[in-house]
C-alpha atoms as a PDB file:
ATOM      1  CA  MET A   1      36.552 207.682 -38.405  1.00  0.00           C
ATOM      2  CA  SER A   2      34.318 205.368 -40.386  1.00  0.00           C
ATOM      3  CA  GLY A   3      33.258 201.930 -39.258  1.00  0.00           C
ATOM      4  CA  ASN A   4      35.639 200.276 -41.689  1.00  0.00           C
ATOM      5  CA  SER A   5      38.656 202.245 -40.483  1.00  0.00           C
ATOM      6  CA  ASP A   6      37.719 201.453 -36.863  1.00  0.00           C
ATOM      7  CA  GLU A   7      37.586 197.782 -37.753  1.00  0.00           C
ATOM      8  CA  ALA A   8      40.951 197.946 -39.545  1.00  0.00           C
ATOM      9  CA  ALA A   9      42.579 199.696 -36.591  1.00  0.00           C
ATOM     10  CA  GLY A  10      41.035 197.085 -34.300  1.00  0.00           C
ATOM     11  CA  VAL A  11      42.460 194.205 -36.301  1.00  0.00           C
ATOM     12  CA  ALA A  12      45.899 195.854 -36.254  1.00  0.00           C
ATOM     13  CA  ASN A  13      45.777 196.453 -32.496  1.00  0.00           C
ATOM     14  CA  GLU A  14      44.677 192.870 -31.884  1.00  0.00           C
ATOM     15  CA  ALA A  15      47.588 191.545 -33.941  1.00  0.00           C
ATOM     16  CA  VAL A  16      50.158 193.758 -32.231  1.00  0.00           C
ATOM     17  CA  GLY A  17      48.690 192.905 -28.824  1.00  0.00           C
ATOM     18  CA  LYS A  18      48.923 189.183 -29.486  1.00  0.00           C
ATOM     19  CA  ALA A  19      52.505 189.599 -30.686  1.00  0.00           C
ATOM     20  CA  LYS A  20      53.415 191.528 -27.536  1.00  0.00           C
ATOM     21  CA  GLN A  21      51.883 188.792 -25.402  1.00  0.00           C
ATOM     22  CA  GLY A  22      53.872 186.129 -27.244  1.00  0.00           C
ATOM     23  CA  ILE A  23      57.125 188.057 -26.973  1.00  0.00           C
ATOM     24  CA  GLY A  24      56.411 188.802 -23.316  1.00  0.00           C
ATOM     25  CA  SER A  25      55.903 185.113 -22.646  1.00  0.00           C
ATOM     26  CA  ALA A  26      59.065 184.184 -24.528  1.00  0.00           C
ATOM     27  CA  VAL A  27      61.266 186.639 -22.655  1.00  0.00           C
ATOM     28  CA  GLY A  28      59.475 186.358 -19.323  1.00  0.00           C
ATOM     29  CA  SER A  29      58.171 189.931 -19.248  1.00  0.00           C
ATOM     30  CA  ASP A  30      54.894 190.246 -17.368  1.00  0.00           C
ATOM     31  CA  LYS A  31      54.781 193.949 -18.270  1.00  0.00           C
ATOM     32  CA  LEU A  32      54.932 193.210 -22.005  1.00  0.00           C
ATOM     33  CA  LYS A  33      52.300 190.485 -21.667  1.00  0.00           C
ATOM     34  CA  SER A  34      50.011 192.931 -19.817  1.00  0.00           C
ATOM     35  CA  GLU A  35      50.547 195.614 -22.445  1.00  0.00           C
ATOM     36  CA  GLY A  36      49.723 193.081 -25.138  1.00  0.00           C
ATOM     37  CA  THR A  37      46.525 192.035 -23.387  1.00  0.00           C
ATOM     38  CA  ALA A  38      45.461 195.676 -23.042  1.00  0.00           C
ATOM     39  CA  GLN A  39      46.201 196.406 -26.692  1.00  0.00           C
ATOM     40  CA  GLU A  40      44.310 193.320 -27.816  1.00  0.00           C
ATOM     41  CA  LEU A  41      41.286 194.419 -25.777  1.00  0.00           C
ATOM     42  CA  LYS A  42      41.561 197.891 -27.317  1.00  0.00           C
ATOM     43  CA  GLY A  43      41.445 196.225 -30.736  1.00  0.00           C
ATOM     44  CA  ASP A  44      38.351 194.233 -29.762  1.00  0.00           C
ATOM     45  CA  THR A  45      36.652 197.461 -28.697  1.00  0.00           C
ATOM     46  CA  GLN A  46      37.624 199.246 -31.912  1.00  0.00           C
ATOM     47  CA  LYS A  47      36.234 196.397 -34.016  1.00  0.00           C
ATOM     48  CA  ALA A  48      32.971 196.436 -32.050  1.00  0.00           C
ATOM     49  CA  THR A  49      32.735 200.209 -32.497  1.00  0.00           C
ATOM     50  CA  GLY A  50      33.209 199.779 -36.239  1.00  0.00           C
ATOM     51  CA  ASP A  51      30.510 197.112 -36.343  1.00  0.00           C
ATOM     52  CA  VAL A  52      28.075 199.413 -34.526  1.00  0.00           C
ATOM     53  CA  LYS A  53      28.875 202.347 -36.829  1.00  0.00           C
ATOM     54  CA  ASN A  54      28.341 200.184 -39.914  1.00  0.00           C
ATOM     55  CA  ALA A  55      25.080 198.750 -38.578  1.00  0.00           C
ATOM     56  CA  THR A  56      23.808 202.241 -37.739  1.00  0.00           C
ATOM     57  CA  LYS A  57      24.720 203.537 -41.189  1.00  0.00           C
ATOM     58  CA  ASP A  58      22.956 200.591 -42.830  1.00  0.00           C
ATOM     59  CA  ALA A  59      19.822 201.194 -40.750  1.00  0.00           C
ATOM     60  CA  VAL A  60      19.818 204.910 -41.605  1.00  0.00           C
ATOM     61  CA  ASP A  61      20.339 204.142 -45.308  1.00  0.00           C
ATOM     62  CA  LYS A  62      17.469 201.632 -45.308  1.00  0.00           C
ATOM     63  CA  THR A  63      15.171 204.067 -43.515  1.00  0.00           C
ATOM     64  CA  ALA A  64      16.056 206.850 -45.952  1.00  0.00           C
ATOM     65  CA  ALA A  65      15.436 204.548 -48.910  1.00  0.00           C
ATOM     66  CA  ALA A  66      12.058 203.496 -47.463  1.00  0.00           C
ATOM     67  CA  LEU A  67      11.032 207.132 -47.005  1.00  0.00           C
ATOM     68  CA  LYS A  68      11.895 207.918 -50.624  1.00  0.00           C
ATOM     69  CA  LYS A  69       9.581 205.197 -51.989  1.00  0.00           C
ATOM     70  CA  PRO A  70       6.235 206.424 -53.255  1.00  0.00           C
ATOM     71  CA  LEU A  71       3.236 205.322 -51.219  1.00  0.00           C
END
């Protein structure tokens, strides 16, 4: 999975998690609120993973480009 797809999945999980929390609050379901909180945290983690993957790829690309330059 690329960094961008991790980030997209993270955004989706955050949105669904927030929705579950809202619905759980509206209907008085602590279980649904807890599930929503867990899913939102999963989304946060996925986004952070995507950010790290993208930063690593950028660093590798810059290093490779620097090595290809004539001295």
